[in-house]
Amino acid sequence: MGTSATTERYLQSGPLRDIYEKVMEGKRLSFDDGLTLWRSNDLTALGALANIVRETKNGNNTYYVRNQHINYTNVCNKGCRFCSFYAQKGGPAPYTMTMDEVREKLERTRHIPVTEIHMVAGIHPKLPYSYYLDLLDTVKSVRPDAHIKAFTMVELLQIQKLANKPMAEVLLELKAHGLSSLPGGGAEILTDRVHEELFPKKETATPPLPSICRV
């Protein structure tokens, strides 16, 4: 554990030396420092700085989250070419979990100290908005202390469409029912050309999506 003398000399003489000094002194980085790191292509220096902070905070310890995944439906109307999860002819049979099935799945792991419930699924065109609220309520009824991480951006757009409300209002309502954070995913390809080839029915990564960005 610890930064080697060679790495220290590299950081002290490199373009990120001012940030290195702040890190070593335990000072909080500024917004401009964040921009400098974002613009840097020196992965060696970035990794070394991140490791210094990690070891300062945690020593040589590693931490992890014990979570349980629930994929509540494999019915999806996006037809992404790379996906083998969604129900299709010659592939997986379609399913949509009832609240009793969700509860049963959670109950089967009650003996395990799960701290996070991770839920993502297909974009089911016929599920009502109430389904998603009931889903969160069901998880909280079994795992009241668990952190619920659920719904990719594509799922959120479908949920907003069903709710027929502003995205900010939908997110606040989901949060009130137990949603704690959002997972990554849903906009895996940022190039429009490749997007059109692989999943033209999914939302693009380009604007307009201002209602999400402002929340």
C-alpha atoms as a PDB file:
ATOM      1  CA  MET A   1       0.000   0.000   0.000  1.00  0.00           C
ATOM      2  CA  GLY A   2       1.191   3.540  -0.685  1.00  0.00           C
ATOM      3  CA  THR A   3       2.422   5.633  -3.578  1.00  0.00           C
ATOM      4  CA  SER A   4       5.840   4.766  -4.947  1.00  0.00           C
ATOM      5  CA  ALA A   5       8.616   7.340  -5.097  1.00  0.00           C
ATOM      6  CA  THR A   6       8.565   7.176  -8.897  1.00  0.00           C
ATOM      7  CA  THR A   7       4.842   7.929  -8.978  1.00  0.00           C
ATOM      8  CA  GLU A   8       5.255  10.780  -6.510  1.00  0.00           C
ATOM      9  CA  ARG A   9       7.961  12.394  -8.664  1.00  0.00           C
ATOM     10  CA  TYR A  10       5.742  11.961 -11.725  1.00  0.00           C
ATOM     11  CA  LEU A  11       2.794  13.646 -10.021  1.00  0.00           C
ATOM     12  CA  GLN A  12       4.915  16.439  -8.581  1.00  0.00           C
ATOM     13  CA  SER A  13       6.306  17.384 -11.983  1.00  0.00           C
ATOM     14  CA  GLY A  14       3.259  16.722 -14.175  1.00  0.00           C
ATOM     15  CA  PRO A  15       0.379  18.952 -15.303  1.00  0.00           C
ATOM     16  CA  LEU A  16      -1.766  17.798 -12.374  1.00  0.00           C
ATOM     17  CA  ARG A  17       0.783  18.769  -9.728  1.00  0.00           C
ATOM     18  CA  ASP A  18      -1.434  21.511  -8.223  1.00  0.00           C
ATOM     19  CA  ILE A  19      -4.236  19.006  -7.717  1.00  0.00           C
ATOM     20  CA  TYR A  20      -1.746  16.466  -6.357  1.00  0.00           C
ATOM     21  CA  GLU A  21      -0.676  18.974  -3.709  1.00  0.00           C
ATOM     22  CA  LYS A  22      -4.299  19.580  -2.710  1.00  0.00           C
ATOM     23  CA  VAL A  23      -4.936  15.856  -2.475  1.00  0.00           C
ATOM     24  CA  MET A  24      -1.885  15.326  -0.290  1.00  0.00           C
ATOM     25  CA  GLU A  25      -2.978  18.178   1.999  1.00  0.00           C
ATOM     26  CA  GLY A  26      -6.517  16.819   2.208  1.00  0.00           C
ATOM     27  CA  LYS A  27      -8.042  19.936   0.679  1.00  0.00           C
ATOM     28  CA  ARG A  28     -11.351  19.888  -1.177  1.00  0.00           C
ATOM     29  CA  LEU A  29     -11.027  20.204  -4.953  1.00  0.00           C
ATOM     30  CA  SER A  30     -12.717  23.115  -6.714  1.00  0.00           C
ATOM     31  CA  PHE A  31     -15.037  23.073  -9.717  1.00  0.00           C
ATOM     32  CA  ASP A  32     -12.134  24.184 -11.915  1.00  0.00           C
ATOM     33  CA  ASP A  33     -10.052  21.315 -10.538  1.00  0.00           C
ATOM     34  CA  GLY A  34     -12.825  18.959 -11.605  1.00  0.00           C
ATOM     35  CA  LEU A  35     -12.755  20.386 -15.123  1.00  0.00           C
ATOM     36  CA  THR A  36      -8.979  19.967 -15.232  1.00  0.00           C
ATOM     37  CA  LEU A  37      -9.307  16.301 -14.284  1.00  0.00           C
ATOM     38  CA  TRP A  38     -12.093  15.778 -16.821  1.00  0.00           C
ATOM     39  CA  ARG A  39     -10.014  17.276 -19.621  1.00  0.00           C
ATOM     40  CA  SER A  40      -6.886  15.336 -18.720  1.00  0.00           C
ATOM     41  CA  ASN A  41      -5.969  12.279 -20.807  1.00  0.00           C
ATOM     42  CA  ASP A  42      -3.236  11.228 -18.379  1.00  0.00           C
ATOM     43  CA  LEU A  43      -4.853   8.038 -17.075  1.00  0.00           C
ATOM     44  CA  THR A  44      -1.758   7.118 -15.067  1.00  0.00           C
ATOM     45  CA  ALA A  45      -1.898  10.350 -13.069  1.00  0.00           C
ATOM     46  CA  LEU A  46      -5.684  10.198 -12.670  1.00  0.00           C
ATOM     47  CA  GLY A  47      -5.518   6.642 -11.395  1.00  0.00           C
ATOM     48  CA  ALA A  48      -2.683   7.444  -9.020  1.00  0.00           C
ATOM     49  CA  LEU A  49      -4.547  10.433  -7.570  1.00  0.00           C
ATOM     50  CA  ALA A  50      -7.720   8.382  -7.144  1.00  0.00           C
ATOM     51  CA  ASN A  51      -5.764   5.632  -5.394  1.00  0.00           C
ATOM     52  CA  ILE A  52      -4.173   8.101  -2.986  1.00  0.00           C
ATOM     53  CA  VAL A  53      -7.648   9.292  -1.970  1.00  0.00           C
ATOM     54  CA  ARG A  54      -8.929   5.708  -1.700  1.00  0.00           C
ATOM     55  CA  GLU A  55      -6.073   4.583   0.527  1.00  0.00           C
ATOM     56  CA  THR A  56      -6.305   7.711   2.649  1.00  0.00           C
ATOM     57  CA  LYS A  57      -9.981   7.035   3.324  1.00  0.00           C
ATOM     58  CA  ASN A  58     -10.030   3.234   3.507  1.00  0.00           C
ATOM     59  CA  GLY A  59      -6.493   1.963   3.885  1.00  0.00           C
ATOM     60  CA  ASN A  60      -6.173  -1.419   2.232  1.00  0.00           C
ATOM     61  CA  ASN A  61      -9.806  -2.369   2.821  1.00  0.00           C
ATOM     62  CA  THR A  62     -12.292  -3.118   0.040  1.00  0.00           C
ATOM     63  CA  TYR A  63     -16.046  -2.652   0.403  1.00  0.00           C
ATOM     64  CA  TYR A  64     -18.926  -4.042  -1.595  1.00  0.00           C
ATOM     65  CA  VAL A  65     -22.712  -3.989  -1.686  1.00  0.00           C
ATOM     66  CA  ARG A  66     -24.733  -7.163  -1.248  1.00  0.00           C
ATOM     67  CA  ASN A  67     -27.677  -6.751  -3.591  1.00  0.00           C
ATOM     68  CA  GLN A  68     -30.531  -8.693  -5.111  1.00  0.00           C
ATOM     69  CA  HIS A  69     -31.648  -8.267  -8.720  1.00  0.00           C
ATOM     70  CA  ILE A  70     -35.280  -8.285  -9.760  1.00  0.00           C
ATOM     71  CA  ASN A  71     -36.041  -8.164 -13.481  1.00  0.00           C
ATOM     72  CA  TYR A  72     -39.794  -7.711 -13.196  1.00  0.00           C
ATOM     73  CA  THR A  73     -40.640  -8.254 -16.880  1.00  0.00           C
ATOM     74  CA  ASN A  74     -38.934  -9.334 -20.083  1.00  0.00           C
ATOM     75  CA  VAL A  75     -41.669  -7.914 -22.298  1.00  0.00           C
ATOM     76  CA  CYS A  76     -40.146  -5.055 -24.286  1.00  0.00           C
ATOM     77  CA  ASN A  77     -41.149  -3.005 -27.307  1.00  0.00           C
ATOM     78  CA  LYS A  78     -37.688  -1.713 -28.240  1.00  0.00           C
ATOM     79  CA  GLY A  79     -36.369  -4.715 -30.185  1.00  0.00           C
ATOM     80  CA  CYS A  80     -32.683  -3.979 -29.611  1.00  0.00           C
ATOM     81  CA  ARG A  81     -30.554  -6.174 -31.868  1.00  0.00           C
ATOM     82  CA  PHE A  82     -27.944  -6.981 -29.215  1.00  0.00           C
ATOM     83  CA  CYS A  83     -30.411  -8.054 -26.497  1.00  0.00           C
ATOM     84  CA  SER A  84     -31.112 -11.694 -25.651  1.00  0.00           C
ATOM     85  CA  PHE A  85     -33.195 -10.877 -22.563  1.00  0.00           C
ATOM     86  CA  TYR A  86     -36.485  -9.692 -23.988  1.00  0.00           C
ATOM     87  CA  ALA A  87     -39.238 -12.098 -25.042  1.00  0.00           C
ATOM     88  CA  GLN A  88     -39.202 -12.839 -28.762  1.00  0.00           C
ATOM     89  CA  LYS A  89     -40.023 -15.631 -31.164  1.00  0.00           C
ATOM     90  CA  GLY A  90     -37.590 -18.490 -30.636  1.00  0.00           C
ATOM     91  CA  GLY A  91     -36.268 -16.878 -27.468  1.00  0.00           C
ATOM     92  CA  PRO A  92     -37.311 -16.464 -23.830  1.00  0.00           C
ATOM     93  CA  ALA A  93     -40.997 -16.834 -23.011  1.00  0.00           C
ATOM     94  CA  PRO A  94     -42.688 -13.582 -21.947  1.00  0.00           C
ATOM     95  CA  TYR A  95     -43.320 -12.946 -18.261  1.00  0.00           C
ATOM     96  CA  THR A  96     -44.375 -10.089 -15.992  1.00  0.00           C
ATOM     97  CA  MET A  97     -44.059 -10.581 -12.263  1.00  0.00           C
ATOM     98  CA  THR A  98     -47.053 -10.056 -10.023  1.00  0.00           C
ATOM     99  CA  MET A  99     -46.563  -8.370  -6.659  1.00  0.00           C
ATOM    100  CA  ASP A 100     -46.967 -11.758  -4.973  1.00  0.00           C
ATOM    101  CA  GLU A 101     -44.147 -13.142  -7.140  1.00  0.00           C
ATOM    102  CA  VAL A 102     -41.932 -10.158  -6.309  1.00  0.00           C
ATOM    103  CA  ARG A 103     -42.657 -10.613  -2.627  1.00  0.00           C
ATOM    104  CA  GLU A 104     -41.911 -14.332  -2.818  1.00  0.00           C
ATOM    105  CA  LYS A 105     -38.602 -13.670  -4.541  1.00  0.00           C
ATOM    106  CA  LEU A 106     -37.633 -11.224  -1.826  1.00  0.00           C
ATOM    107  CA  GLU A 107     -38.756 -13.541   0.960  1.00  0.00           C
ATOM    108  CA  ARG A 108     -36.524 -16.342  -0.357  1.00  0.00           C
ATOM    109  CA  THR A 109     -33.458 -14.246   0.458  1.00  0.00           C
ATOM    110  CA  ARG A 110     -34.584 -12.905   3.841  1.00  0.00           C
ATOM    111  CA  HIS A 111     -31.835 -14.925   5.524  1.00  0.00           C
ATOM    112  CA  ILE A 112     -29.195 -13.029   3.522  1.00  0.00           C
ATOM    113  CA  PRO A 113     -28.187  -9.523   4.712  1.00  0.00           C
ATOM    114  CA  VAL A 114     -29.093  -7.817   1.436  1.00  0.00           C
ATOM    115  CA  THR A 115     -28.665  -4.037   1.573  1.00  0.00           C
ATOM    116  CA  GLU A 116     -29.690  -3.109  -1.978  1.00  0.00           C
ATOM    117  CA  ILE A 117     -32.477  -4.147  -4.349  1.00  0.00           C
ATOM    118  CA  HIS A 118     -31.613  -3.557  -8.008  1.00  0.00           C
ATOM    119  CA  MET A 119     -34.556  -3.526 -10.429  1.00  0.00           C
ATOM    120  CA  VAL A 120     -34.443  -3.097 -14.194  1.00  0.00           C
ATOM    121  CA  ALA A 121     -36.509  -4.700 -16.939  1.00  0.00           C
ATOM    122  CA  GLY A 122     -37.958  -4.419 -20.406  1.00  0.00           C
ATOM    123  CA  ILE A 123     -40.171  -1.580 -21.611  1.00  0.00           C
ATOM    124  CA  HIS A 124     -43.605  -3.158 -21.260  1.00  0.00           C
ATOM    125  CA  PRO A 125     -46.089  -1.050 -23.244  1.00  0.00           C
ATOM    126  CA  LYS A 126     -49.166  -2.196 -21.301  1.00  0.00           C
ATOM    127  CA  LEU A 127     -48.139  -1.870 -17.660  1.00  0.00           C
ATOM    128  CA  PRO A 128     -49.936   0.970 -15.828  1.00  0.00           C
ATOM    129  CA  TYR A 129     -48.135   3.655 -13.850  1.00  0.00           C
ATOM    130  CA  SER A 130     -49.538   2.141 -10.643  1.00  0.00           C
ATOM    131  CA  TYR A 131     -47.545  -1.052 -11.307  1.00  0.00           C
ATOM    132  CA  TYR A 132     -44.253   0.753 -10.709  1.00  0.00           C
ATOM    133  CA  LEU A 133     -45.482   2.378  -7.507  1.00  0.00           C
ATOM    134  CA  ASP A 134     -46.781  -0.987  -6.276  1.00  0.00           C
ATOM    135  CA  LEU A 135     -43.431  -2.538  -7.172  1.00  0.00           C
ATOM    136  CA  LEU A 136     -41.557  -0.095  -4.961  1.00  0.00           C
ATOM    137  CA  ASP A 137     -44.112  -0.468  -2.159  1.00  0.00           C
ATOM    138  CA  THR A 138     -43.783  -4.256  -2.287  1.00  0.00           C
ATOM    139  CA  VAL A 139     -40.009  -4.132  -1.984  1.00  0.00           C
ATOM    140  CA  LYS A 140     -40.239  -1.732   0.960  1.00  0.00           C
ATOM    141  CA  SER A 141     -42.789  -3.958   2.698  1.00  0.00           C
ATOM    142  CA  VAL A 142     -40.316  -6.855   2.714  1.00  0.00           C
ATOM    143  CA  ARG A 143     -37.018  -4.954   2.832  1.00  0.00           C
ATOM    144  CA  PRO A 144     -37.855  -1.652   4.562  1.00  0.00           C
ATOM    145  CA  ASP A 145     -34.202  -0.763   5.149  1.00  0.00           C
ATOM    146  CA  ALA A 146     -32.894  -1.709   1.707  1.00  0.00           C
ATOM    147  CA  HIS A 147     -31.621   0.841  -0.783  1.00  0.00           C
ATOM    148  CA  ILE A 148     -33.716   0.557  -3.953  1.00  0.00           C
ATOM    149  CA  LYS A 149     -31.813   1.224  -7.162  1.00  0.00           C
ATOM    150  CA  ALA A 150     -34.195   0.933 -10.077  1.00  0.00           C
ATOM    151  CA  PHE A 151     -35.292   2.027 -13.549  1.00  0.00           C
ATOM    152  CA  THR A 152     -32.918   3.035 -16.322  1.00  0.00           C
ATOM    153  CA  MET A 153     -33.482   6.256 -18.233  1.00  0.00           C
ATOM    154  CA  VAL A 154     -35.448   4.402 -20.908  1.00  0.00           C
ATOM    155  CA  GLU A 155     -37.706   2.898 -18.262  1.00  0.00           C
ATOM    156  CA  LEU A 156     -38.146   6.315 -16.662  1.00  0.00           C
ATOM    157  CA  LEU A 157     -39.312   7.823 -19.926  1.00  0.00           C
ATOM    158  CA  GLN A 158     -41.896   5.047 -20.243  1.00  0.00           C
ATOM    159  CA  ILE A 159     -42.994   5.579 -16.634  1.00  0.00           C
ATOM    160  CA  GLN A 160     -43.339   9.320 -17.226  1.00  0.00           C
ATOM    161  CA  LYS A 161     -45.403   8.644 -20.343  1.00  0.00           C
ATOM    162  CA  LEU A 162     -47.751   6.422 -18.340  1.00  0.00           C
ATOM    163  CA  ALA A 163     -48.001   8.931 -15.499  1.00  0.00           C
ATOM    164  CA  ASN A 164     -48.602  11.835 -17.889  1.00  0.00           C
ATOM    165  CA  LYS A 165     -46.808  14.151 -15.463  1.00  0.00           C
ATOM    166  CA  PRO A 166     -43.621  16.240 -15.551  1.00  0.00           C
ATOM    167  CA  MET A 167     -40.488  14.162 -14.967  1.00  0.00           C
ATOM    168  CA  ALA A 168     -39.649  16.076 -11.783  1.00  0.00           C
ATOM    169  CA  GLU A 169     -43.034  15.180 -10.321  1.00  0.00           C
ATOM    170  CA  VAL A 170     -42.674  11.523 -11.346  1.00  0.00           C
ATOM    171  CA  LEU A 171     -39.244  11.237  -9.748  1.00  0.00           C
ATOM    172  CA  LEU A 172     -40.477  12.786  -6.506  1.00  0.00           C
ATOM    173  CA  GLU A 173     -43.406  10.383  -6.434  1.00  0.00           C
ATOM    174  CA  LEU A 174     -41.173   7.370  -7.104  1.00  0.00           C
ATOM    175  CA  LYS A 175     -38.858   8.575  -4.374  1.00  0.00           C
ATOM    176  CA  ALA A 176     -41.788   8.874  -1.957  1.00  0.00           C
ATOM    177  CA  HIS A 177     -42.562   5.206  -2.649  1.00  0.00           C
ATOM    178  CA  GLY A 178     -39.003   4.125  -1.843  1.00  0.00           C
ATOM    179  CA  LEU A 179     -36.798   4.729  -4.894  1.00  0.00           C
ATOM    180  CA  SER A 180     -33.328   5.657  -3.670  1.00  0.00           C
ATOM    181  CA  SER A 181     -31.166   5.908  -6.800  1.00  0.00           C
ATOM    182  CA  LEU A 182     -31.068   5.215 -10.529  1.00  0.00           C
ATOM    183  CA  PRO A 183     -28.773   2.690 -12.248  1.00  0.00           C
ATOM    184  CA  GLY A 184     -26.763   3.379 -15.352  1.00  0.00           C
ATOM    185  CA  GLY A 185     -27.895   2.008 -18.663  1.00  0.00           C
ATOM    186  CA  GLY A 186     -30.508   2.776 -21.228  1.00  0.00           C
ATOM    187  CA  ALA A 187     -28.319   4.929 -23.474  1.00  0.00           C
ATOM    188  CA  GLU A 188     -25.373   2.626 -24.048  1.00  0.00           C
ATOM    189  CA  ILE A 189     -24.493   3.876 -27.525  1.00  0.00           C
ATOM    190  CA  LEU A 190     -23.864   7.604 -27.914  1.00  0.00           C
ATOM    191  CA  THR A 191     -23.268   7.580 -31.667  1.00  0.00           C
ATOM    192  CA  ASP A 192     -26.436   8.249 -33.661  1.00  0.00           C
ATOM    193  CA  ARG A 193     -25.324   6.089 -36.600  1.00  0.00           C
ATOM    194  CA  VAL A 194     -24.723   3.005 -34.432  1.00  0.00           C
ATOM    195  CA  HIS A 195     -27.856   3.782 -32.437  1.00  0.00           C
ATOM    196  CA  GLU A 196     -29.940   3.580 -35.595  1.00  0.00           C
ATOM    197  CA  GLU A 197     -28.404   0.229 -36.497  1.00  0.00           C
ATOM    198  CA  LEU A 198     -28.780  -1.453 -33.109  1.00  0.00           C
ATOM    199  CA  PHE A 199     -31.847   0.024 -31.411  1.00  0.00           C
ATOM    200  CA  PRO A 200     -33.653   2.712 -33.414  1.00  0.00           C
ATOM    201  CA  LYS A 201     -36.751   2.464 -31.183  1.00  0.00           C
ATOM    202  CA  LYS A 202     -34.880   3.593 -28.076  1.00  0.00           C
ATOM    203  CA  GLU A 203     -34.396   7.234 -27.181  1.00  0.00           C
ATOM    204  CA  THR A 204     -31.214   8.837 -28.434  1.00  0.00           C
ATOM    205  CA  ALA A 205     -28.452  10.301 -26.285  1.00  0.00           C
ATOM    206  CA  THR A 206     -28.857  13.710 -27.922  1.00  0.00           C
ATOM    207  CA  PRO A 207     -31.277  16.456 -26.752  1.00  0.00           C
ATOM    208  CA  PRO A 208     -34.031  17.107 -26.074  1.00  0.00           C
ATOM    209  CA  LEU A 209     -34.136  15.486 -22.622  1.00  0.00           C
ATOM    210  CA  PRO A 210     -34.030  18.659 -20.508  1.00  0.00           C
ATOM    211  CA  SER A 211     -36.660  17.567 -17.987  1.00  0.00           C
ATOM    212  CA  ILE A 212     -34.400  14.739 -16.763  1.00  0.00           C
ATOM    213  CA  CYS A 213     -31.246  16.828 -16.721  1.00  0.00           C
ATOM    214  CA  ARG A 214     -32.820  19.549 -14.561  1.00  0.00           C
ATOM    215  CA  VAL A 215     -33.935  17.207 -11.767  1.00  0.00           C
END
